[in-house]
N, C-alpha and C. Protein backbone atom coordinates (compact mmCIF):
# COMPACT_ATOMS: atom_id res chain seq x y z
N TYR A 1 -1.67 -28.33 -6.89
CA TYR A 1 -1.29 -26.86 -6.57
C TYR A 1 -1.17 -26.26 -5.39
N LEU A 2 -2.17 -26.75 -4.51
CA LEU A 2 -2.20 -26.30 -3.24
C LEU A 2 -1.09 -26.63 -2.33
N ARG A 3 -0.43 -27.92 -2.65
CA ARG A 3 0.75 -28.31 -2.00
C ARG A 3 1.65 -27.33 -2.43
N PHE A 4 1.89 -27.02 -3.59
CA PHE A 4 3.19 -26.00 -4.16
C PHE A 4 3.07 -25.05 -3.65
N VAL A 5 1.65 -24.10 -3.42
CA VAL A 5 1.62 -22.81 -2.66
C VAL A 5 1.60 -22.86 -1.35
N ALA A 6 1.26 -23.77 -0.82
CA ALA A 6 1.57 -24.02 0.75
C ALA A 6 3.33 -24.04 1.05
N LYS A 7 4.06 -24.75 0.21
CA LYS A 7 5.20 -24.58 0.33
C LYS A 7 5.89 -23.22 -0.16
N LEU A 8 5.41 -22.64 -1.03
CA LEU A 8 5.58 -21.25 -1.18
C LEU A 8 5.43 -20.40 0.05
N ARG A 9 4.31 -20.55 0.57
CA ARG A 9 3.73 -19.63 1.69
C ARG A 9 4.54 -20.14 3.08
N GLY A 10 5.60 -21.09 3.19
CA GLY A 10 6.35 -21.35 4.01
C GLY A 10 5.80 -22.25 5.07
N VAL A 11 4.93 -22.93 4.88
CA VAL A 11 4.02 -23.84 5.73
C VAL A 11 5.08 -25.07 6.04
N ARG A 12 5.46 -25.37 7.18
CA ARG A 12 6.13 -26.13 7.83
C ARG A 12 5.63 -27.67 7.35
N ARG A 13 6.57 -28.60 6.86
CA ARG A 13 6.23 -30.01 6.24
C ARG A 13 5.60 -30.75 7.27
N SER A 14 5.83 -30.57 8.76
CA SER A 14 4.92 -31.13 9.83
C SER A 14 3.66 -30.70 9.90
N LYS A 15 3.36 -29.52 9.29
CA LYS A 15 1.84 -28.92 9.28
C LYS A 15 1.10 -29.10 7.80
N LEU A 16 2.03 -29.55 7.11
CA LEU A 16 1.44 -29.26 5.45
C LEU A 16 0.13 -30.30 5.17
N GLY A 17 0.11 -31.29 5.62
CA GLY A 17 -1.25 -32.41 5.56
C GLY A 17 -2.11 -31.88 6.23
N ALA A 18 -1.94 -31.08 7.33
CA ALA A 18 -3.21 -30.46 8.13
C ALA A 18 -3.73 -29.26 7.32
N ALA A 19 -2.75 -28.19 6.74
CA ALA A 19 -2.82 -27.25 6.03
C ALA A 19 -3.85 -27.67 5.30
N LEU A 20 -3.52 -28.61 4.11
CA LEU A 20 -3.96 -28.76 2.89
C LEU A 20 -5.64 -29.55 3.12
N ASP A 21 -5.52 -30.19 4.11
CA ASP A 21 -6.97 -31.02 4.74
C ASP A 21 -8.00 -30.01 5.13
N HIS A 22 -7.35 -28.96 5.72
CA HIS A 22 -8.08 -27.78 6.45
C HIS A 22 -8.64 -26.96 5.05
N ALA A 23 -7.97 -26.39 4.12
CA ALA A 23 -8.30 -25.66 2.96
C ALA A 23 -8.83 -26.37 2.16
N ILE A 24 -9.00 -27.76 1.81
CA ILE A 24 -9.93 -28.47 1.09
C ILE A 24 -11.06 -28.68 1.72
N GLU A 25 -10.95 -28.53 2.91
CA GLU A 25 -12.66 -29.05 3.78
C GLU A 25 -13.21 -27.56 3.62
N VAL A 26 -12.47 -26.54 4.10
CA VAL A 26 -13.21 -25.26 4.23
C VAL A 26 -13.72 -24.70 3.00
N CYS A 27 -12.92 -24.82 1.80
CA CYS A 27 -13.60 -24.60 0.48
C CYS A 27 -14.14 -25.50 -0.20
N GLY A 28 -14.76 -26.55 0.31
CA GLY A 28 -15.48 -27.59 -0.44
C GLY A 28 -14.98 -28.38 -1.39
N LEU A 29 -13.77 -28.65 -1.50
CA LEU A 29 -12.91 -29.30 -2.63
C LEU A 29 -12.53 -30.93 -2.57
N GLY A 30 -13.19 -31.32 -1.64
CA GLY A 30 -13.25 -32.64 -1.17
C GLY A 30 -13.38 -33.46 -2.55
N ASN A 31 -14.19 -33.17 -3.29
CA ASN A 31 -14.55 -34.47 -4.48
C ASN A 31 -13.78 -33.92 -5.70
N VAL A 32 -12.99 -32.70 -5.52
CA VAL A 32 -12.02 -32.42 -6.70
C VAL A 32 -10.64 -32.09 -6.44
N ALA A 33 -10.41 -32.60 -5.32
CA ALA A 33 -8.83 -32.24 -4.93
C ALA A 33 -7.65 -32.85 -5.47
N HIS A 34 -8.21 -33.94 -6.33
CA HIS A 34 -6.95 -34.54 -7.27
C HIS A 34 -7.09 -34.26 -8.62
N ARG A 35 -7.85 -33.19 -8.88
CA ARG A 35 -8.16 -32.88 -10.50
C ARG A 35 -7.21 -31.98 -10.70
N ILE A 36 -6.89 -31.70 -11.93
CA ILE A 36 -5.93 -30.44 -12.30
C ILE A 36 -7.15 -29.16 -12.38
N CYS A 37 -6.55 -28.22 -11.99
CA CYS A 37 -7.23 -26.84 -11.78
C CYS A 37 -7.88 -26.44 -13.15
N GLY A 38 -7.13 -26.80 -14.17
CA GLY A 38 -7.77 -26.26 -15.64
C GLY A 38 -8.74 -26.86 -16.19
N GLN A 39 -9.25 -28.18 -15.39
CA GLN A 39 -10.28 -29.04 -15.75
C GLN A 39 -11.59 -28.58 -14.59
N LEU A 40 -11.43 -27.60 -13.73
CA LEU A 40 -12.32 -27.17 -12.93
C LEU A 40 -13.37 -26.47 -13.54
N SER A 41 -14.68 -26.14 -13.06
CA SER A 41 -15.63 -25.15 -13.28
C SER A 41 -15.24 -23.84 -12.70
N LYS A 42 -15.60 -22.46 -13.39
CA LYS A 42 -15.32 -21.42 -12.68
C LYS A 42 -15.36 -21.53 -11.19
N GLY A 43 -16.82 -22.09 -10.72
CA GLY A 43 -16.88 -22.05 -9.36
C GLY A 43 -16.06 -22.63 -8.61
N TYR A 44 -15.44 -23.81 -9.28
CA TYR A 44 -14.38 -24.51 -8.33
C TYR A 44 -13.04 -24.05 -8.32
N ARG A 45 -12.82 -23.31 -9.66
CA ARG A 45 -11.60 -22.22 -9.64
C ARG A 45 -11.65 -21.18 -8.62
N GLN A 46 -12.75 -20.74 -8.43
CA GLN A 46 -12.71 -19.64 -7.33
C GLN A 46 -12.48 -20.48 -5.95
N ARG A 47 -12.94 -21.45 -5.99
CA ARG A 47 -12.86 -22.06 -4.46
C ARG A 47 -11.19 -22.58 -4.38
N VAL A 48 -10.61 -23.06 -5.49
CA VAL A 48 -9.18 -23.22 -5.28
C VAL A 48 -8.36 -21.84 -4.99
N GLY A 49 -8.52 -20.70 -5.62
CA GLY A 49 -8.15 -19.62 -5.14
C GLY A 49 -8.37 -19.05 -3.76
N LEU A 50 -9.44 -19.39 -3.27
CA LEU A 50 -9.85 -19.28 -1.78
C LEU A 50 -8.99 -19.91 -0.93
N ALA A 51 -8.74 -21.41 -1.47
CA ALA A 51 -8.09 -22.37 -0.55
C ALA A 51 -6.64 -22.12 -0.57
N GLN A 52 -6.09 -21.31 -1.99
CA GLN A 52 -4.83 -21.03 -1.74
C GLN A 52 -4.28 -19.86 -1.14
N ALA A 53 -5.37 -19.13 -0.90
CA ALA A 53 -5.18 -17.61 -0.02
C ALA A 53 -5.21 -18.29 1.15
N LEU A 54 -5.99 -19.15 1.62
CA LEU A 54 -5.99 -19.52 3.18
C LEU A 54 -5.07 -20.57 3.43
N ILE A 55 -4.41 -21.15 2.66
CA ILE A 55 -3.50 -22.08 3.04
C ILE A 55 -2.65 -21.99 3.99
N HIS A 56 -2.01 -20.84 4.40
CA HIS A 56 -1.33 -20.48 5.60
C HIS A 56 -1.77 -19.93 6.46
N ASP A 57 -3.15 -19.84 6.49
CA ASP A 57 -3.98 -19.25 7.73
C ASP A 57 -3.56 -17.58 8.14
N PRO A 58 -3.88 -16.84 7.06
CA PRO A 58 -3.51 -15.35 7.34
C PRO A 58 -4.43 -14.89 7.97
N GLN A 59 -4.30 -13.75 8.93
CA GLN A 59 -5.09 -13.26 9.50
C GLN A 59 -6.03 -11.91 8.96
N VAL A 60 -5.23 -11.56 7.60
CA VAL A 60 -6.18 -10.62 6.99
C VAL A 60 -6.30 -11.43 5.37
N LEU A 61 -7.50 -11.68 5.04
CA LEU A 61 -7.62 -12.13 3.80
C LEU A 61 -8.31 -11.19 2.69
N VAL A 62 -7.75 -10.69 1.56
CA VAL A 62 -8.16 -9.88 0.74
C VAL A 62 -8.67 -10.23 -0.60
N LEU A 63 -9.88 -10.30 -0.78
CA LEU A 63 -10.79 -11.04 -1.95
C LEU A 63 -11.09 -9.74 -2.90
N ASP A 64 -10.59 -9.79 -4.18
CA ASP A 64 -11.40 -8.96 -5.18
C ASP A 64 -12.40 -9.53 -6.13
N GLU A 65 -13.53 -9.14 -6.28
CA GLU A 65 -14.67 -9.59 -6.93
C GLU A 65 -14.54 -11.04 -7.06
N PRO A 66 -14.90 -11.59 -5.83
CA PRO A 66 -14.91 -13.12 -5.93
C PRO A 66 -15.89 -13.85 -6.37
N THR A 67 -17.22 -13.43 -6.77
CA THR A 67 -18.42 -14.31 -7.36
C THR A 67 -18.49 -13.64 -8.86
N ILE A 68 -17.37 -12.76 -9.37
CA ILE A 68 -17.48 -12.26 -10.72
C ILE A 68 -17.64 -13.60 -11.71
N GLY A 69 -18.63 -13.91 -12.41
CA GLY A 69 -18.44 -14.84 -13.47
C GLY A 69 -19.20 -16.19 -12.91
N LEU A 70 -19.79 -16.01 -11.76
CA LEU A 70 -20.42 -17.53 -11.30
C LEU A 70 -21.55 -17.64 -11.82
N ASP A 71 -22.20 -18.67 -11.59
CA ASP A 71 -23.53 -18.70 -11.67
C ASP A 71 -24.59 -18.73 -10.21
N PRO A 72 -25.61 -18.24 -10.27
CA PRO A 72 -26.39 -17.99 -9.00
C PRO A 72 -26.18 -18.84 -8.06
N ARG A 73 -26.09 -19.95 -8.02
CA ARG A 73 -25.78 -21.39 -7.26
C ARG A 73 -24.48 -21.00 -6.37
N GLN A 74 -23.45 -20.79 -7.45
CA GLN A 74 -22.31 -20.59 -7.04
C GLN A 74 -21.73 -19.35 -6.19
N ILE A 75 -22.56 -18.49 -6.52
CA ILE A 75 -22.60 -16.97 -5.95
C ILE A 75 -23.08 -17.21 -4.42
N HIS A 76 -23.94 -17.99 -4.34
CA HIS A 76 -24.73 -18.17 -3.09
C HIS A 76 -23.48 -18.99 -2.22
N GLU A 77 -23.07 -19.87 -2.92
CA GLU A 77 -22.02 -20.99 -2.10
C GLU A 77 -20.92 -20.16 -1.67
N ILE A 78 -20.24 -19.16 -2.32
CA ILE A 78 -18.96 -18.45 -2.31
C ILE A 78 -19.28 -17.37 -1.08
N ARG A 79 -20.44 -16.71 -1.15
CA ARG A 79 -21.02 -15.59 -0.34
C ARG A 79 -20.78 -16.51 1.00
N ASP A 80 -21.58 -17.51 1.24
CA ASP A 80 -21.57 -18.51 2.59
C ASP A 80 -20.13 -18.70 2.88
N LEU A 81 -19.22 -19.14 1.99
CA LEU A 81 -18.01 -19.61 2.21
C LEU A 81 -17.14 -18.04 3.04
N ILE A 82 -17.48 -17.04 2.31
CA ILE A 82 -16.75 -15.89 2.74
C ILE A 82 -17.46 -15.64 4.16
N LYS A 83 -18.44 -15.71 4.12
CA LYS A 83 -19.33 -15.28 5.84
C LYS A 83 -18.64 -16.44 7.01
N THR A 84 -18.28 -17.40 6.35
CA THR A 84 -17.68 -18.30 7.34
C THR A 84 -16.31 -18.13 7.58
N LEU A 85 -15.43 -17.67 6.51
CA LEU A 85 -14.15 -17.31 6.86
C LEU A 85 -14.06 -16.13 7.81
N SER A 86 -15.04 -15.20 7.58
CA SER A 86 -14.97 -13.81 8.18
C SER A 86 -14.91 -14.11 9.96
N GLY A 87 -15.49 -15.40 10.56
CA GLY A 87 -15.55 -15.36 11.83
C GLY A 87 -13.98 -15.60 12.27
N ASP A 88 -13.11 -16.34 11.60
CA ASP A 88 -11.63 -16.39 12.14
C ASP A 88 -10.73 -15.32 11.79
N ARG A 89 -10.84 -14.47 11.00
CA ARG A 89 -10.08 -13.38 10.39
C ARG A 89 -10.69 -12.02 9.75
N THR A 90 -10.18 -11.29 9.43
CA THR A 90 -10.54 -10.00 8.72
C THR A 90 -10.44 -10.32 7.29
N VAL A 91 -11.87 -10.15 6.64
CA VAL A 91 -12.05 -10.42 5.39
C VAL A 91 -12.23 -8.83 4.66
N VAL A 92 -11.41 -8.58 3.77
CA VAL A 92 -11.67 -7.30 2.94
C VAL A 92 -11.93 -7.71 1.66
N LEU A 93 -13.20 -7.41 1.58
CA LEU A 93 -13.77 -7.62 0.07
C LEU A 93 -14.01 -6.52 -1.10
N SER A 94 -13.39 -6.55 -1.76
CA SER A 94 -13.17 -5.45 -2.94
C SER A 94 -14.44 -5.68 -4.24
N THR A 95 -15.22 -5.13 -4.08
CA THR A 95 -16.50 -5.21 -5.15
C THR A 95 -17.43 -4.00 -5.41
N HIS A 96 -17.75 -4.26 -6.60
CA HIS A 96 -18.60 -2.95 -7.21
C HIS A 96 -20.00 -3.52 -7.23
N ILE A 97 -20.31 -4.94 -6.55
CA ILE A 97 -21.64 -5.55 -6.42
C ILE A 97 -22.16 -5.06 -5.21
N LEU A 98 -23.07 -4.02 -4.98
CA LEU A 98 -23.52 -3.54 -3.81
C LEU A 98 -24.22 -4.53 -3.14
N PRO A 99 -25.26 -5.49 -3.68
CA PRO A 99 -26.12 -6.03 -2.93
C PRO A 99 -25.00 -7.44 -2.32
N GLU A 100 -23.92 -7.53 -2.81
CA GLU A 100 -23.06 -8.42 -2.32
C GLU A 100 -22.39 -8.04 -0.94
N VAL A 101 -22.08 -6.61 -0.73
CA VAL A 101 -21.63 -6.16 0.49
C VAL A 101 -22.86 -6.44 1.60
N SER A 102 -23.94 -6.06 1.29
CA SER A 102 -25.01 -5.99 2.18
C SER A 102 -25.37 -7.39 2.82
N GLN A 103 -25.06 -8.25 1.94
CA GLN A 103 -25.31 -9.68 2.32
C GLN A 103 -24.00 -10.50 3.02
N ILE A 104 -22.71 -9.74 2.70
CA ILE A 104 -21.46 -10.50 3.53
C ILE A 104 -20.90 -9.66 4.43
N CYS A 105 -21.18 -8.24 4.41
CA CYS A 105 -20.19 -7.75 5.13
C CYS A 105 -20.97 -6.96 6.13
N ASP A 106 -20.15 -6.47 7.32
CA ASP A 106 -20.62 -5.83 8.64
C ASP A 106 -20.36 -4.47 8.61
N LYS A 107 -19.10 -4.13 7.91
CA LYS A 107 -18.62 -2.65 7.71
C LYS A 107 -18.49 -2.37 6.31
N VAL A 108 -18.70 -1.15 5.90
CA VAL A 108 -18.33 -0.62 4.57
C VAL A 108 -17.52 0.50 4.15
N VAL A 109 -16.78 0.25 3.53
CA VAL A 109 -15.61 1.59 3.15
C VAL A 109 -16.05 1.86 1.70
N ILE A 110 -16.22 3.04 1.36
CA ILE A 110 -16.50 3.54 -0.15
C ILE A 110 -15.39 4.44 -0.58
N ILE A 111 -14.73 4.02 -1.33
CA ILE A 111 -13.57 4.51 -2.25
C ILE A 111 -14.15 5.01 -3.38
N ALA A 112 -13.62 6.56 -3.48
CA ALA A 112 -14.06 7.20 -4.88
C ALA A 112 -12.85 8.08 -5.17
N ASP A 113 -12.59 8.05 -6.43
CA ASP A 113 -11.55 8.69 -6.76
C ASP A 113 -10.34 8.90 -5.97
N GLY A 114 -9.93 7.64 -5.23
CA GLY A 114 -8.66 7.55 -4.21
C GLY A 114 -8.96 8.07 -3.13
N HIS A 115 -10.35 8.36 -2.69
CA HIS A 115 -10.43 9.16 -1.20
C HIS A 115 -11.68 8.36 -0.59
N VAL A 116 -11.55 8.09 0.66
CA VAL A 116 -12.60 7.44 1.39
C VAL A 116 -13.53 8.11 1.43
N VAL A 117 -14.51 7.95 1.10
CA VAL A 117 -15.73 8.89 1.29
C VAL A 117 -16.76 8.41 2.17
N LEU A 118 -16.79 7.00 2.36
CA LEU A 118 -17.66 6.74 3.64
C LEU A 118 -16.86 5.33 4.46
N GLU A 119 -17.18 5.48 5.64
CA GLU A 119 -16.52 4.32 6.27
C GLU A 119 -17.58 4.09 7.59
N GLU A 120 -18.23 3.08 7.48
CA GLU A 120 -19.41 2.90 8.33
C GLU A 120 -19.91 1.32 8.83
N GLN A 121 -20.22 1.13 9.83
CA GLN A 121 -20.81 -0.28 10.14
C GLN A 121 -22.22 -0.16 9.43
N LEU A 122 -22.61 -1.28 8.67
CA LEU A 122 -23.79 -1.45 8.06
C LEU A 122 -24.94 -1.07 8.65
N ALA A 123 -24.69 -1.47 9.95
CA ALA A 123 -25.81 -1.09 10.99
C ALA A 123 -26.41 -0.08 11.20
N ALA A 124 -25.13 0.89 10.97
CA ALA A 124 -25.50 2.16 11.42
C ALA A 124 -25.61 3.11 10.36
N LEU A 125 -26.01 2.59 8.85
CA LEU A 125 -26.46 3.26 8.04
C LEU A 125 -28.10 3.61 8.15
N PRO A 126 -28.24 4.92 7.75
CA PRO A 126 -29.92 5.26 7.87
C PRO A 126 -30.65 4.34 7.54
N GLU A 127 -31.51 4.12 8.65
CA GLU A 127 -32.70 3.14 8.31
C GLU A 127 -33.61 3.50 7.02
N GLY A 128 -34.05 2.54 6.31
CA GLY A 128 -34.95 2.69 5.13
C GLY A 128 -33.95 3.11 4.02
N SER A 129 -32.74 3.29 4.11
CA SER A 129 -32.01 3.59 2.94
C SER A 129 -31.27 2.41 2.49
N THR A 130 -31.33 2.21 1.10
CA THR A 130 -30.59 0.99 0.36
C THR A 130 -28.86 1.52 0.48
N LEU A 131 -28.42 0.64 0.30
CA LEU A 131 -26.68 1.01 0.15
C LEU A 131 -26.56 1.70 -1.13
N GLU A 132 -27.38 1.22 -2.19
CA GLU A 132 -26.90 2.30 -3.55
C GLU A 132 -27.25 3.56 -2.99
N GLU A 133 -28.09 3.82 -2.29
CA GLU A 133 -28.56 5.31 -2.20
C GLU A 133 -27.56 6.01 -1.14
N VAL A 134 -26.94 5.06 -0.12
CA VAL A 134 -25.99 5.70 0.67
C VAL A 134 -24.72 6.00 -0.29
N PHE A 135 -24.25 5.18 -1.12
CA PHE A 135 -23.20 5.15 -1.91
C PHE A 135 -23.27 6.16 -2.87
N LEU A 136 -24.63 6.45 -3.59
CA LEU A 136 -24.65 7.55 -4.43
C LEU A 136 -24.64 9.06 -3.80
N SER A 137 -25.04 8.90 -2.56
CA SER A 137 -24.98 10.20 -1.76
C SER A 137 -23.81 10.33 -1.43
N ALA A 138 -22.92 9.57 -0.82
CA ALA A 138 -21.35 9.63 -0.52
C ALA A 138 -20.68 10.28 -1.60
N ILE A 139 -20.74 9.54 -2.85
CA ILE A 139 -19.88 9.97 -4.05
C ILE A 139 -20.25 11.55 -4.46
N SER A 140 -21.58 11.69 -4.32
CA SER A 140 -21.84 12.93 -4.85
C SER A 140 -21.45 14.05 -3.64
N ARG A 141 -21.43 13.62 -2.53
CA ARG A 141 -21.02 14.72 -1.41
C ARG A 141 -19.34 14.88 -1.80
N GLU A 142 -18.55 13.63 -1.85
CA GLU A 142 -17.27 13.85 -2.14
C GLU A 142 -16.93 14.66 -3.49
N ARG A 143 -17.89 14.36 -4.33
CA ARG A 143 -17.33 15.52 -5.72
C ARG A 143 -17.58 16.55 -5.60
N HIS A 144 -18.57 16.93 -4.97
CA HIS A 144 -18.96 18.17 -4.60
C HIS A 144 -17.91 18.96 -3.91
N GLU A 145 -17.45 18.23 -2.59
CA GLU A 145 -16.00 18.75 -1.94
C GLU A 145 -15.02 18.94 -2.97
N LEU A 146 -14.62 17.72 -3.71
CA LEU A 146 -13.47 17.96 -4.54
C LEU A 146 -13.81 19.50 -5.50
N GLY A 147 -14.86 19.63 -5.79
CA GLY A 147 -15.14 20.63 -6.85
C GLY A 147 -14.81 21.87 -6.37
N GLU A 148 -15.40 21.95 -4.72
CA GLU A 148 -14.76 23.36 -4.33
C GLU A 148 -13.48 23.63 -4.08
N VAL A 149 -12.94 22.36 -3.69
CA VAL A 149 -11.70 22.73 -3.61
C VAL A 149 -10.96 22.87 -4.80
N ALA A 150 -10.98 22.19 -6.02
CA ALA A 150 -10.45 22.47 -7.13
C ALA A 150 -10.56 24.07 -7.48
N GLU A 151 -12.03 24.56 -7.29
CA GLU A 151 -12.30 25.97 -7.49
C GLU A 151 -11.41 27.03 -7.12
N GLU A 152 -11.10 26.67 -5.61
CA GLU A 152 -10.49 27.32 -4.64
C GLU A 152 -8.79 27.81 -5.10
N THR A 153 -8.50 26.26 -5.65
CA THR A 153 -7.22 26.13 -6.06
C THR A 153 -6.83 26.84 -7.23
N LEU A 154 -7.80 26.83 -8.28
CA LEU A 154 -7.84 27.72 -9.24
C LEU A 154 -7.76 29.27 -9.20
N GLU A 155 -8.49 29.67 -8.35
CA GLU A 155 -8.77 31.09 -7.79
C GLU A 155 -7.34 31.45 -7.26
N GLY A 156 -6.77 30.47 -6.49
CA GLY A 156 -5.45 31.18 -5.80
C GLY A 156 -4.24 31.20 -6.89
N VAL A 157 -4.39 30.44 -7.94
CA VAL A 157 -3.67 30.22 -9.00
C VAL A 157 -3.65 31.55 -9.69
N ASP A 158 -4.82 31.72 -10.24
CA ASP A 158 -5.34 32.93 -10.95
C ASP A 158 -4.62 34.38 -10.39
N ALA A 159 -5.11 34.42 -8.85
CA ALA A 159 -4.44 35.48 -8.03
C ALA A 159 -3.32 35.81 -8.20
N GLY A 160 -2.66 34.74 -7.93
CA GLY A 160 -1.08 34.71 -7.91
C GLY A 160 -0.30 35.02 -9.29
N HIS A 161 -1.13 34.87 -10.53
CA HIS A 161 -0.47 35.32 -11.62
C HIS A 161 -0.73 36.32 -11.95
N GLU A 162 -1.59 37.18 -11.25
CA GLU A 162 -1.91 38.65 -12.04
C GLU A 162 -1.14 39.65 -11.93
């Protein structure tokens, strides 16, 4: 599968072996490298997904809920792997699991209803506040601001029709 994906991603034949070896090593797939994906555990399938995303050495890696459905040991391993990967590239992590953000990320961007409501380095967040509190505060602030905008718009529409 990884060889197929590498070819799709345009990895040159001369670099194919090295790319496969690197992805297999980085993602901890050495002991299952010759097995069929469908016969792997959920944790190993997640690792194969990471390996296929890395096979062409992208500068930006986007991961959507990478630990969903994993057992606690696998979650820990995948989080460690993501931290390792972030040293060489930008990793964008999309998740609803806030503790995961605080354990993996350096920067947080919170999006609600299609709007960026907070963009901040984790180290710059208010001391003593949990990420959950910051999240709820940002969402509440955004909804309040959107509510005011909606009321002004409605008032303008009503006034224009009188």
